[in-house]
């Protein structure tokens, strides 16, 4: 496929993909992609997931795990982490571009009815896992909930090396690629949606930049201690992205942050960009990889081994952003 053919293929998609193609790849006027984005609430993936919301505001009766998940069984009740509960469902709807107004009083219902599986803490207060708190920060500011406490928590739990680690509760003082990227995504969403108007906006932005520096010092791929690739997962691209760090997710974050901050691409991302480029097929698509197992409401992308529109959207816009900046 030519580049134009790839874009045409991507345009023939669910509204959750199409509006992003129109905005990021076609350069369509806002009136066009906003009209497509509005269809997420009534068509395809977005409408299907909205239909699974419980009357109390939750999905699957739980905050991070479905209500029927067996934590104490002698053997795993099912393989992998289930992805049907409230946090994962909100993540998906937000990422797909759903207008928060469609969810009405969901924030209030969750505040009244949802508790974390960890010590039954109130939903919008967060808990002790920085990835969960990052998701909740982004979802809360999107829905208009009071998540100032989680914003404060993020500043308090940034490691000395600049990143974050969900295992801080076990005493870890070295940051994690996975945790750091999840927090960076949450902080960026918070900055975008508050438009810099939060009471601690400057501190939160500084924390985000320090976290990005943690990854960039390692060229997005390598351990600082010995220079080795941090893990095989950096090369394994699959959608939904969930919580897993990859070179594609990291560079797409840098793209979004660069556009938001008005800064050029950092040259230290060059090696990770080439990892993304090397994964592109000759026809301009990216192939779906193997995903971690886990219950989901329904399929949102193709099986492993087939061309993925979600990955192709992300990969194409990352390379365009990078290559256009290099040519300027």
C-alpha atoms as a PDB file:
ATOM      1  CA  UNK A   1       0.000   0.000   0.000  1.00  0.00           C
ATOM      2  CA  UNK A   2       1.085   3.575  -0.605  1.00  0.00           C
ATOM      3  CA  UNK A   3       0.937   6.058   2.241  1.00  0.00           C
ATOM      4  CA  UNK A   4      -2.345   7.412   0.868  1.00  0.00           C
ATOM      5  CA  UNK A   5      -3.724   3.882   0.604  1.00  0.00           C
ATOM      6  CA  UNK A   6      -2.808   3.192   4.225  1.00  0.00           C
ATOM      7  CA  UNK A   7      -4.644   6.342   5.281  1.00  0.00           C
ATOM      8  CA  UNK A   8      -7.698   5.327   3.234  1.00  0.00           C
ATOM      9  CA  UNK A   9      -7.609   1.904   4.914  1.00  0.00           C
ATOM     10  CA  UNK A  10      -7.442   3.559   8.326  1.00  0.00           C
ATOM     11  CA  UNK A  11     -10.320   5.891   7.509  1.00  0.00           C
ATOM     12  CA  UNK A  12     -12.538   2.887   6.845  1.00  0.00           C
ATOM     13  CA  UNK A  13     -12.758   2.217  10.589  1.00  0.00           C
ATOM     14  CA  UNK A  14     -14.739   2.529  13.767  1.00  0.00           C
ATOM     15  CA  UNK A  15     -15.294   6.198  14.732  1.00  0.00           C
ATOM     16  CA  UNK A  16     -12.874   5.692  17.664  1.00  0.00           C
ATOM     17  CA  UNK A  17     -10.053   5.252  15.138  1.00  0.00           C
ATOM     18  CA  UNK A  18     -11.359   7.364  12.282  1.00  0.00           C
ATOM     19  CA  UNK A  19     -11.501  10.677  14.145  1.00  0.00           C
ATOM     20  CA  UNK A  20      -7.851  10.320  15.151  1.00  0.00           C
ATOM     21  CA  UNK A  21      -6.861   9.529  11.567  1.00  0.00           C
ATOM     22  CA  UNK A  22      -8.717  12.637  10.399  1.00  0.00           C
ATOM     23  CA  UNK A  23      -7.008  14.813  13.011  1.00  0.00           C
ATOM     24  CA  UNK A  24      -3.497  13.346  13.093  1.00  0.00           C
ATOM     25  CA  UNK A  25      -2.901  12.040   9.575  1.00  0.00           C
ATOM     26  CA  UNK A  26      -5.322  13.811   7.227  1.00  0.00           C
ATOM     27  CA  UNK A  27      -5.172  17.249   8.818  1.00  0.00           C
ATOM     28  CA  UNK A  28      -8.939  17.607   8.516  1.00  0.00           C
ATOM     29  CA  UNK A  29     -10.576  20.713  10.012  1.00  0.00           C
ATOM     30  CA  UNK A  30     -11.714  20.403  13.614  1.00  0.00           C
ATOM     31  CA  UNK A  31     -15.356  20.439  12.548  1.00  0.00           C
ATOM     32  CA  UNK A  32     -14.773  17.209  10.596  1.00  0.00           C
ATOM     33  CA  UNK A  33     -12.949  15.141  13.188  1.00  0.00           C
ATOM     34  CA  UNK A  34     -15.063  16.456  16.051  1.00  0.00           C
ATOM     35  CA  UNK A  35     -18.207  15.288  14.227  1.00  0.00           C
ATOM     36  CA  UNK A  36     -16.660  11.837  13.801  1.00  0.00           C
ATOM     37  CA  UNK A  37     -15.548  11.803  17.419  1.00  0.00           C
ATOM     38  CA  UNK A  38     -19.110  12.530  18.557  1.00  0.00           C
ATOM     39  CA  UNK A  39     -20.195   9.259  16.910  1.00  0.00           C
ATOM     40  CA  UNK A  40     -18.101   7.247  19.407  1.00  0.00           C
ATOM     41  CA  UNK A  41     -21.009   7.526  21.853  1.00  0.00           C
ATOM     42  CA  UNK A  42     -23.578   6.016  19.506  1.00  0.00           C
ATOM     43  CA  UNK A  43     -21.698   3.650  17.201  1.00  0.00           C
ATOM     44  CA  UNK A  44     -19.231   0.790  17.293  1.00  0.00           C
ATOM     45  CA  UNK A  45     -16.794   0.226  20.123  1.00  0.00           C
ATOM     46  CA  UNK A  46     -17.808   3.173  22.266  1.00  0.00           C
ATOM     47  CA  UNK A  47     -21.518   2.437  22.179  1.00  0.00           C
ATOM     48  CA  UNK A  48     -20.892  -1.249  22.864  1.00  0.00           C
ATOM     49  CA  UNK A  49     -18.804  -0.527  25.957  1.00  0.00           C
ATOM     50  CA  UNK A  50     -21.249   2.070  27.273  1.00  0.00           C
ATOM     51  CA  UNK A  51     -23.944  -0.592  27.127  1.00  0.00           C
ATOM     52  CA  UNK A  52     -22.047  -2.636  29.740  1.00  0.00           C
ATOM     53  CA  UNK A  53     -22.051   0.075  32.418  1.00  0.00           C
ATOM     54  CA  UNK A  54     -23.767  -0.883  35.660  1.00  0.00           C
ATOM     55  CA  UNK A  55     -26.529   1.305  37.195  1.00  0.00           C
ATOM     56  CA  UNK A  56     -24.147   2.196  40.058  1.00  0.00           C
ATOM     57  CA  UNK A  57     -21.669   3.719  37.584  1.00  0.00           C
ATOM     58  CA  UNK A  58     -19.209   0.824  37.551  1.00  0.00           C
ATOM     59  CA  UNK A  59     -18.388  -1.823  34.983  1.00  0.00           C
ATOM     60  CA  UNK A  60     -18.363  -5.499  35.997  1.00  0.00           C
ATOM     61  CA  UNK A  61     -19.156  -4.493  39.567  1.00  0.00           C
ATOM     62  CA  UNK A  62     -15.595  -3.562  40.510  1.00  0.00           C
ATOM     63  CA  UNK A  63     -12.969  -0.825  40.509  1.00  0.00           C
ATOM     64  CA  UNK A  64      -9.935  -2.599  39.018  1.00  0.00           C
ATOM     65  CA  UNK A  65     -11.144  -6.207  39.016  1.00  0.00           C
ATOM     66  CA  UNK A  66     -14.618  -7.541  38.209  1.00  0.00           C
ATOM     67  CA  UNK A  67     -16.724  -8.373  41.243  1.00  0.00           C
ATOM     68  CA  UNK A  68     -16.603 -12.103  40.480  1.00  0.00           C
ATOM     69  CA  UNK A  69     -12.799 -12.309  40.220  1.00  0.00           C
ATOM     70  CA  UNK A  70     -11.426 -15.050  42.463  1.00  0.00           C
ATOM     71  CA  UNK A  71      -8.423 -13.704  44.366  1.00  0.00           C
ATOM     72  CA  UNK A  72      -8.189 -16.615  46.815  1.00  0.00           C
ATOM     73  CA  UNK A  73      -8.814 -19.728  44.748  1.00  0.00           C
ATOM     74  CA  UNK A  74      -6.228 -22.555  44.936  1.00  0.00           C
ATOM     75  CA  UNK A  75      -5.625 -22.110  41.214  1.00  0.00           C
ATOM     76  CA  UNK A  76      -6.168 -19.182  38.901  1.00  0.00           C
ATOM     77  CA  UNK A  77      -9.816 -18.956  38.003  1.00  0.00           C
ATOM     78  CA  UNK A  78      -8.873 -17.638  34.590  1.00  0.00           C
ATOM     79  CA  UNK A  79      -5.633 -16.705  32.810  1.00  0.00           C
ATOM     80  CA  UNK A  80      -4.359 -13.172  33.088  1.00  0.00           C
ATOM     81  CA  UNK A  81      -5.700  -9.899  34.431  1.00  0.00           C
ATOM     82  CA  UNK A  82      -9.375  -9.266  33.570  1.00  0.00           C
ATOM     83  CA  UNK A  83      -9.919  -6.011  31.686  1.00  0.00           C
ATOM     84  CA  UNK A  84     -13.657  -5.559  32.172  1.00  0.00           C
ATOM     85  CA  UNK A  85     -13.830  -3.563  35.415  1.00  0.00           C
ATOM     86  CA  UNK A  86     -14.372   0.174  35.819  1.00  0.00           C
ATOM     87  CA  UNK A  87     -10.851   1.526  35.471  1.00  0.00           C
ATOM     88  CA  UNK A  88     -10.068  -0.404  32.293  1.00  0.00           C
ATOM     89  CA  UNK A  89     -13.430   0.527  30.781  1.00  0.00           C
ATOM     90  CA  UNK A  90     -12.917   4.226  31.523  1.00  0.00           C
ATOM     91  CA  UNK A  91      -9.391   4.032  30.099  1.00  0.00           C
ATOM     92  CA  UNK A  92     -10.755   2.649  26.847  1.00  0.00           C
ATOM     93  CA  UNK A  93     -13.584   5.161  26.498  1.00  0.00           C
ATOM     94  CA  UNK A  94     -11.251   8.073  27.226  1.00  0.00           C
ATOM     95  CA  UNK A  95      -8.633   6.814  24.780  1.00  0.00           C
ATOM     96  CA  UNK A  96     -11.311   6.326  22.126  1.00  0.00           C
ATOM     97  CA  UNK A  97     -12.317   9.963  22.484  1.00  0.00           C
ATOM     98  CA  UNK A  98     -15.724   9.701  24.159  1.00  0.00           C
ATOM     99  CA  UNK A  99     -17.108  13.066  25.266  1.00  0.00           C
ATOM    100  CA  UNK A 100     -17.148  12.916  29.071  1.00  0.00           C
ATOM    101  CA  UNK A 101     -20.568  14.561  29.085  1.00  0.00           C
ATOM    102  CA  UNK A 102     -22.030  11.344  27.668  1.00  0.00           C
ATOM    103  CA  UNK A 103     -21.229   9.632  30.975  1.00  0.00           C
ATOM    104  CA  UNK A 104     -23.376  12.126  32.879  1.00  0.00           C
ATOM    105  CA  UNK A 105     -23.100  11.693  36.649  1.00  0.00           C
ATOM    106  CA  UNK A 106     -20.744   8.706  36.437  1.00  0.00           C
ATOM    107  CA  UNK A 107     -18.097  10.492  38.526  1.00  0.00           C
ATOM    108  CA  UNK A 108     -20.585  11.030  41.354  1.00  0.00           C
ATOM    109  CA  UNK A 109     -21.911   7.473  41.148  1.00  0.00           C
ATOM    110  CA  UNK A 110     -18.395   6.068  41.332  1.00  0.00           C
ATOM    111  CA  UNK A 111     -17.606   8.337  44.262  1.00  0.00           C
ATOM    112  CA  UNK A 112     -20.632   6.954  46.072  1.00  0.00           C
ATOM    113  CA  UNK A 113     -20.445   3.295  45.069  1.00  0.00           C
ATOM    114  CA  UNK A 114     -16.979   2.199  43.978  1.00  0.00           C
ATOM    115  CA  UNK A 115     -14.179   1.114  46.280  1.00  0.00           C
ATOM    116  CA  UNK A 116     -10.714  -0.152  45.453  1.00  0.00           C
ATOM    117  CA  UNK A 117     -10.018  -3.790  46.056  1.00  0.00           C
ATOM    118  CA  UNK A 118      -7.055  -2.550  48.119  1.00  0.00           C
ATOM    119  CA  UNK A 119      -8.428  -1.788  51.606  1.00  0.00           C
ATOM    120  CA  UNK A 120     -11.767  -0.633  50.162  1.00  0.00           C
ATOM    121  CA  UNK A 121     -10.444   2.896  49.661  1.00  0.00           C
ATOM    122  CA  UNK A 122     -12.783   5.411  47.939  1.00  0.00           C
ATOM    123  CA  UNK A 123     -12.455   5.371  44.161  1.00  0.00           C
ATOM    124  CA  UNK A 124     -11.427   8.976  43.485  1.00  0.00           C
ATOM    125  CA  UNK A 125      -8.932   8.980  46.354  1.00  0.00           C
ATOM    126  CA  UNK A 126      -6.764   6.423  44.556  1.00  0.00           C
ATOM    127  CA  UNK A 127      -4.772   3.679  46.279  1.00  0.00           C
ATOM    128  CA  UNK A 128      -1.064   2.718  46.523  1.00  0.00           C
ATOM    129  CA  UNK A 129      -0.268   1.530  42.991  1.00  0.00           C
ATOM    130  CA  UNK A 130       1.109   4.378  40.891  1.00  0.00           C
ATOM    131  CA  UNK A 131      -0.155   2.898  37.601  1.00  0.00           C
ATOM    132  CA  UNK A 132      -3.690   2.595  38.987  1.00  0.00           C
ATOM    133  CA  UNK A 133      -3.434   6.106  40.387  1.00  0.00           C
ATOM    134  CA  UNK A 134      -2.193   7.420  37.033  1.00  0.00           C
ATOM    135  CA  UNK A 135      -5.189   5.910  35.250  1.00  0.00           C
ATOM    136  CA  UNK A 136      -7.499   7.358  37.902  1.00  0.00           C
ATOM    137  CA  UNK A 137      -5.915  10.802  37.701  1.00  0.00           C
ATOM    138  CA  UNK A 138      -6.528  10.918  33.944  1.00  0.00           C
ATOM    139  CA  UNK A 139     -10.032   9.475  34.178  1.00  0.00           C
ATOM    140  CA  UNK A 140     -10.963  11.746  37.065  1.00  0.00           C
ATOM    141  CA  UNK A 141      -9.915  15.000  35.438  1.00  0.00           C
ATOM    142  CA  UNK A 142     -11.682  13.856  32.253  1.00  0.00           C
ATOM    143  CA  UNK A 143     -14.934  13.223  34.147  1.00  0.00           C
ATOM    144  CA  UNK A 144     -14.650  16.285  36.380  1.00  0.00           C
ATOM    145  CA  UNK A 145     -14.008  14.407  39.629  1.00  0.00           C
ATOM    146  CA  UNK A 146     -11.873  15.862  42.399  1.00  0.00           C
ATOM    147  CA  UNK A 147      -8.550  14.059  41.973  1.00  0.00           C
ATOM    148  CA  UNK A 148      -6.327  16.730  43.509  1.00  0.00           C
ATOM    149  CA  UNK A 149      -5.291  14.235  46.168  1.00  0.00           C
ATOM    150  CA  UNK A 150      -3.961  11.877  43.505  1.00  0.00           C
ATOM    151  CA  UNK A 151      -2.075  14.732  41.819  1.00  0.00           C
ATOM    152  CA  UNK A 152      -0.415  15.496  45.151  1.00  0.00           C
ATOM    153  CA  UNK A 153       0.329  11.794  45.644  1.00  0.00           C
ATOM    154  CA  UNK A 154       2.151  11.648  42.289  1.00  0.00           C
ATOM    155  CA  UNK A 155       4.487  14.438  43.333  1.00  0.00           C
ATOM    156  CA  UNK A 156       5.133  12.789  46.693  1.00  0.00           C
ATOM    157  CA  UNK A 157       5.951   9.386  45.166  1.00  0.00           C
ATOM    158  CA  UNK A 158       8.308  10.379  42.374  1.00  0.00           C
ATOM    159  CA  UNK A 159      11.589   8.516  42.862  1.00  0.00           C
ATOM    160  CA  UNK A 160      14.938  10.249  43.220  1.00  0.00           C
ATOM    161  CA  UNK A 161      15.925   9.030  39.733  1.00  0.00           C
ATOM    162  CA  UNK A 162      12.953  10.870  38.218  1.00  0.00           C
ATOM    163  CA  UNK A 163      10.567   8.006  37.522  1.00  0.00           C
ATOM    164  CA  UNK A 164       8.010   5.965  39.424  1.00  0.00           C
ATOM    165  CA  UNK A 165       7.654   2.338  40.463  1.00  0.00           C
ATOM    166  CA  UNK A 166       4.504   0.536  41.551  1.00  0.00           C
ATOM    167  CA  UNK A 167       6.688  -1.607  43.824  1.00  0.00           C
ATOM    168  CA  UNK A 168       7.642   1.337  46.024  1.00  0.00           C
ATOM    169  CA  UNK A 169       5.444  -0.240  48.689  1.00  0.00           C
ATOM    170  CA  UNK A 170       7.878  -3.174  48.746  1.00  0.00           C
ATOM    171  CA  UNK A 171      10.769  -0.750  49.202  1.00  0.00           C
ATOM    172  CA  UNK A 172      11.890  -0.283  45.609  1.00  0.00           C
ATOM    173  CA  UNK A 173      13.873   2.925  45.078  1.00  0.00           C
ATOM    174  CA  UNK A 174      14.637   2.348  41.379  1.00  0.00           C
ATOM    175  CA  UNK A 175      12.028   3.364  38.838  1.00  0.00           C
ATOM    176  CA  UNK A 176      10.226   1.126  36.353  1.00  0.00           C
ATOM    177  CA  UNK A 177       9.807   1.802  32.624  1.00  0.00           C
ATOM    178  CA  UNK A 178       6.224   0.515  32.777  1.00  0.00           C
ATOM    179  CA  UNK A 179       5.217   2.544  35.827  1.00  0.00           C
ATOM    180  CA  UNK A 180       6.952   5.695  34.661  1.00  0.00           C
ATOM    181  CA  UNK A 181       5.260   5.720  31.252  1.00  0.00           C
ATOM    182  CA  UNK A 182       1.837   5.100  32.777  1.00  0.00           C
ATOM    183  CA  UNK A 183       2.331   8.017  35.161  1.00  0.00           C
ATOM    184  CA  UNK A 184       3.599  10.243  32.349  1.00  0.00           C
ATOM    185  CA  UNK A 185       0.472   9.483  30.324  1.00  0.00           C
ATOM    186  CA  UNK A 186      -1.693  10.374  33.315  1.00  0.00           C
ATOM    187  CA  UNK A 187       0.164  13.611  34.011  1.00  0.00           C
ATOM    188  CA  UNK A 188      -0.005  14.629  30.361  1.00  0.00           C
ATOM    189  CA  UNK A 189      -3.756  14.010  30.254  1.00  0.00           C
ATOM    190  CA  UNK A 190      -4.127  16.050  33.430  1.00  0.00           C
ATOM    191  CA  UNK A 191      -2.125  18.937  31.959  1.00  0.00           C
ATOM    192  CA  UNK A 192      -4.037  18.818  28.676  1.00  0.00           C
ATOM    193  CA  UNK A 193      -7.464  18.764  30.305  1.00  0.00           C
ATOM    194  CA  UNK A 194      -6.763  21.401  32.976  1.00  0.00           C
ATOM    195  CA  UNK A 195      -4.998  23.599  30.396  1.00  0.00           C
ATOM    196  CA  UNK A 196      -2.335  24.489  32.937  1.00  0.00           C
ATOM    197  CA  UNK A 197      -4.904  25.882  35.353  1.00  0.00           C
ATOM    198  CA  UNK A 198      -4.339  23.459  38.233  1.00  0.00           C
ATOM    199  CA  UNK A 199      -3.041  24.888  41.523  1.00  0.00           C
ATOM    200  CA  UNK A 200       0.146  22.801  41.182  1.00  0.00           C
ATOM    201  CA  UNK A 201       0.401  22.879  37.401  1.00  0.00           C
ATOM    202  CA  UNK A 202       4.040  23.983  37.319  1.00  0.00           C
ATOM    203  CA  UNK A 203       5.119  21.283  39.788  1.00  0.00           C
ATOM    204  CA  UNK A 204       3.198  18.594  37.933  1.00  0.00           C
ATOM    205  CA  UNK A 205       4.655  19.665  34.606  1.00  0.00           C
ATOM    206  CA  UNK A 206       8.150  19.663  36.090  1.00  0.00           C
ATOM    207  CA  UNK A 207       7.537  16.153  37.466  1.00  0.00           C
ATOM    208  CA  UNK A 208       6.386  15.012  34.013  1.00  0.00           C
ATOM    209  CA  UNK A 209       9.488  16.442  32.373  1.00  0.00           C
ATOM    210  CA  UNK A 210      11.735  14.785  34.965  1.00  0.00           C
ATOM    211  CA  UNK A 211       9.972  11.487  34.331  1.00  0.00           C
ATOM    212  CA  UNK A 212      10.480  11.837  30.587  1.00  0.00           C
ATOM    213  CA  UNK A 213      14.130  12.593  31.261  1.00  0.00           C
ATOM    214  CA  UNK A 214      14.403   9.296  33.168  1.00  0.00           C
ATOM    215  CA  UNK A 215      13.355   7.444  30.006  1.00  0.00           C
ATOM    216  CA  UNK A 216      15.333   9.613  27.595  1.00  0.00           C
ATOM    217  CA  UNK A 217      18.545   9.153  29.607  1.00  0.00           C
ATOM    218  CA  UNK A 218      18.086   5.469  28.818  1.00  0.00           C
ATOM    219  CA  UNK A 219      17.217   6.176  25.150  1.00  0.00           C
ATOM    220  CA  UNK A 220      13.748   4.742  25.906  1.00  0.00           C
ATOM    221  CA  UNK A 221      15.164   1.220  25.604  1.00  0.00           C
ATOM    222  CA  UNK A 222      18.155   0.536  27.849  1.00  0.00           C
ATOM    223  CA  UNK A 223      19.034  -0.041  31.466  1.00  0.00           C
ATOM    224  CA  UNK A 224      21.312   2.706  32.714  1.00  0.00           C
ATOM    225  CA  UNK A 225      23.396   0.268  34.763  1.00  0.00           C
ATOM    226  CA  UNK A 226      24.725  -1.922  31.942  1.00  0.00           C
ATOM    227  CA  UNK A 227      23.275  -0.495  28.720  1.00  0.00           C
ATOM    228  CA  UNK A 228      21.345  -3.681  27.905  1.00  0.00           C
ATOM    229  CA  UNK A 229      17.830  -3.557  26.461  1.00  0.00           C
ATOM    230  CA  UNK A 230      15.535  -3.300  29.465  1.00  0.00           C
ATOM    231  CA  UNK A 231      13.269  -6.154  28.343  1.00  0.00           C
ATOM    232  CA  UNK A 232      11.954  -7.982  25.281  1.00  0.00           C
ATOM    233  CA  UNK A 233       8.596  -6.269  25.721  1.00  0.00           C
ATOM    234  CA  UNK A 234       9.938  -2.997  24.288  1.00  0.00           C
ATOM    235  CA  UNK A 235       9.760  -4.578  20.804  1.00  0.00           C
ATOM    236  CA  UNK A 236       6.402  -6.339  21.207  1.00  0.00           C
ATOM    237  CA  UNK A 237       3.587  -4.165  19.925  1.00  0.00           C
ATOM    238  CA  UNK A 238      -0.019  -5.172  20.548  1.00  0.00           C
ATOM    239  CA  UNK A 239      -3.314  -3.355  20.996  1.00  0.00           C
ATOM    240  CA  UNK A 240      -4.930  -2.726  23.452  1.00  0.00           C
ATOM    241  CA  UNK A 241      -1.755  -1.329  25.013  1.00  0.00           C
ATOM    242  CA  UNK A 242      -2.992  -1.821  28.603  1.00  0.00           C
ATOM    243  CA  UNK A 243      -0.119  -1.050  31.024  1.00  0.00           C
ATOM    244  CA  UNK A 244       2.840  -2.494  29.111  1.00  0.00           C
ATOM    245  CA  UNK A 245       5.782  -0.358  28.048  1.00  0.00           C
ATOM    246  CA  UNK A 246       6.839  -0.540  24.402  1.00  0.00           C
ATOM    247  CA  UNK A 247       8.927   1.623  22.102  1.00  0.00           C
ATOM    248  CA  UNK A 248       5.726   2.453  20.208  1.00  0.00           C
ATOM    249  CA  UNK A 249       3.849   3.603  23.305  1.00  0.00           C
ATOM    250  CA  UNK A 250       6.823   5.604  24.545  1.00  0.00           C
ATOM    251  CA  UNK A 251       7.408   7.434  21.270  1.00  0.00           C
ATOM    252  CA  UNK A 252       3.700   8.126  20.827  1.00  0.00           C
ATOM    253  CA  UNK A 253       3.700   9.662  24.306  1.00  0.00           C
ATOM    254  CA  UNK A 254       6.692  11.821  23.394  1.00  0.00           C
ATOM    255  CA  UNK A 255       4.875  12.913  20.237  1.00  0.00           C
ATOM    256  CA  UNK A 256       1.797  13.965  22.190  1.00  0.00           C
ATOM    257  CA  UNK A 257       3.894  15.706  24.853  1.00  0.00           C
ATOM    258  CA  UNK A 258       5.967  17.489  22.207  1.00  0.00           C
ATOM    259  CA  UNK A 259       2.846  18.817  20.493  1.00  0.00           C
ATOM    260  CA  UNK A 260       1.349  19.900  23.815  1.00  0.00           C
ATOM    261  CA  UNK A 261       4.515  21.557  25.114  1.00  0.00           C
ATOM    262  CA  UNK A 262       5.537  23.059  21.775  1.00  0.00           C
ATOM    263  CA  UNK A 263       8.968  21.424  21.863  1.00  0.00           C
ATOM    264  CA  UNK A 264      10.894  19.547  19.153  1.00  0.00           C
ATOM    265  CA  UNK A 265      11.552  15.796  19.299  1.00  0.00           C
ATOM    266  CA  UNK A 266      14.425  14.840  21.591  1.00  0.00           C
ATOM    267  CA  UNK A 267      17.271  13.270  19.583  1.00  0.00           C
ATOM    268  CA  UNK A 268      17.768  10.644  22.279  1.00  0.00           C
ATOM    269  CA  UNK A 269      14.567   8.989  21.061  1.00  0.00           C
ATOM    270  CA  UNK A 270      16.178   8.172  17.694  1.00  0.00           C
ATOM    271  CA  UNK A 271      16.955   4.532  18.451  1.00  0.00           C
ATOM    272  CA  UNK A 272      13.426   3.839  19.693  1.00  0.00           C
ATOM    273  CA  UNK A 273      12.029   5.522  16.590  1.00  0.00           C
ATOM    274  CA  UNK A 274      14.021   3.082  14.469  1.00  0.00           C
ATOM    275  CA  UNK A 275      12.552   0.193  16.460  1.00  0.00           C
ATOM    276  CA  UNK A 276       9.104   1.481  15.507  1.00  0.00           C
ATOM    277  CA  UNK A 277      10.177   1.938  11.882  1.00  0.00           C
ATOM    278  CA  UNK A 278      11.662  -1.547  11.680  1.00  0.00           C
ATOM    279  CA  UNK A 279       8.338  -3.049  12.791  1.00  0.00           C
ATOM    280  CA  UNK A 280       6.485  -1.471   9.866  1.00  0.00           C
ATOM    281  CA  UNK A 281       5.559  -3.923   7.135  1.00  0.00           C
ATOM    282  CA  UNK A 282       6.446  -3.220   3.485  1.00  0.00           C
ATOM    283  CA  UNK A 283       2.804  -2.291   2.879  1.00  0.00           C
ATOM    284  CA  UNK A 284       2.937   0.419   5.562  1.00  0.00           C
ATOM    285  CA  UNK A 285       0.997  -1.450   8.248  1.00  0.00           C
ATOM    286  CA  UNK A 286       2.015  -2.799  11.648  1.00  0.00           C
ATOM    287  CA  UNK A 287       1.187  -6.352  12.673  1.00  0.00           C
ATOM    288  CA  UNK A 288      -0.741  -7.189  15.814  1.00  0.00           C
ATOM    289  CA  UNK A 289       1.431  -8.973  18.364  1.00  0.00           C
ATOM    290  CA  UNK A 290       0.586 -11.432  21.120  1.00  0.00           C
ATOM    291  CA  UNK A 291      -1.342  -9.804  23.945  1.00  0.00           C
ATOM    292  CA  UNK A 292      -1.300 -10.853  27.573  1.00  0.00           C
ATOM    293  CA  UNK A 293      -4.357 -12.980  28.339  1.00  0.00           C
ATOM    294  CA  UNK A 294      -7.304 -11.504  30.139  1.00  0.00           C
ATOM    295  CA  UNK A 295     -11.059 -11.278  29.996  1.00  0.00           C
ATOM    296  CA  UNK A 296     -12.474  -8.385  27.956  1.00  0.00           C
ATOM    297  CA  UNK A 297     -15.990  -7.354  27.015  1.00  0.00           C
ATOM    298  CA  UNK A 298     -15.427  -7.882  23.300  1.00  0.00           C
ATOM    299  CA  UNK A 299     -12.658  -7.813  20.718  1.00  0.00           C
ATOM    300  CA  UNK A 300     -11.395  -4.334  19.844  1.00  0.00           C
ATOM    301  CA  UNK A 301      -8.689  -5.251  17.343  1.00  0.00           C
ATOM    302  CA  UNK A 302      -7.528  -8.062  15.084  1.00  0.00           C
ATOM    303  CA  UNK A 303      -5.948 -11.361  16.201  1.00  0.00           C
ATOM    304  CA  UNK A 304      -2.182 -11.697  16.461  1.00  0.00           C
ATOM    305  CA  UNK A 305      -0.468 -11.857  13.081  1.00  0.00           C
ATOM    306  CA  UNK A 306      -2.937  -9.624  11.230  1.00  0.00           C
ATOM    307  CA  UNK A 307      -2.486  -5.951  10.267  1.00  0.00           C
ATOM    308  CA  UNK A 308      -3.692  -3.770  13.135  1.00  0.00           C
ATOM    309  CA  UNK A 309      -5.351  -0.442  12.437  1.00  0.00           C
ATOM    310  CA  UNK A 310      -4.706   0.731  15.982  1.00  0.00           C
ATOM    311  CA  UNK A 311      -0.978   0.010  15.788  1.00  0.00           C
ATOM    312  CA  UNK A 312      -0.787   1.443  12.274  1.00  0.00           C
ATOM    313  CA  UNK A 313      -2.433   4.672  13.439  1.00  0.00           C
ATOM    314  CA  UNK A 314       0.094   5.049  16.265  1.00  0.00           C
ATOM    315  CA  UNK A 315       3.121   4.009  14.223  1.00  0.00           C
ATOM    316  CA  UNK A 316       2.261   6.221  11.255  1.00  0.00           C
ATOM    317  CA  UNK A 317       1.738   9.364  13.297  1.00  0.00           C
ATOM    318  CA  UNK A 318       4.901   8.759  15.308  1.00  0.00           C
ATOM    319  CA  UNK A 319       7.063   8.416  12.199  1.00  0.00           C
ATOM    320  CA  UNK A 320       5.435  11.401  10.501  1.00  0.00           C
ATOM    321  CA  UNK A 321       6.034  13.570  13.565  1.00  0.00           C
ATOM    322  CA  UNK A 322       9.662  12.499  13.777  1.00  0.00           C
ATOM    323  CA  UNK A 323      10.493  12.580  10.079  1.00  0.00           C
ATOM    324  CA  UNK A 324       8.858  15.950   9.476  1.00  0.00           C
ATOM    325  CA  UNK A 325      10.853  17.444  12.335  1.00  0.00           C
ATOM    326  CA  UNK A 326      14.103  16.012  10.967  1.00  0.00           C
ATOM    327  CA  UNK A 327      13.372  17.414   7.509  1.00  0.00           C
ATOM    328  CA  UNK A 328      12.576  20.906   8.793  1.00  0.00           C
END
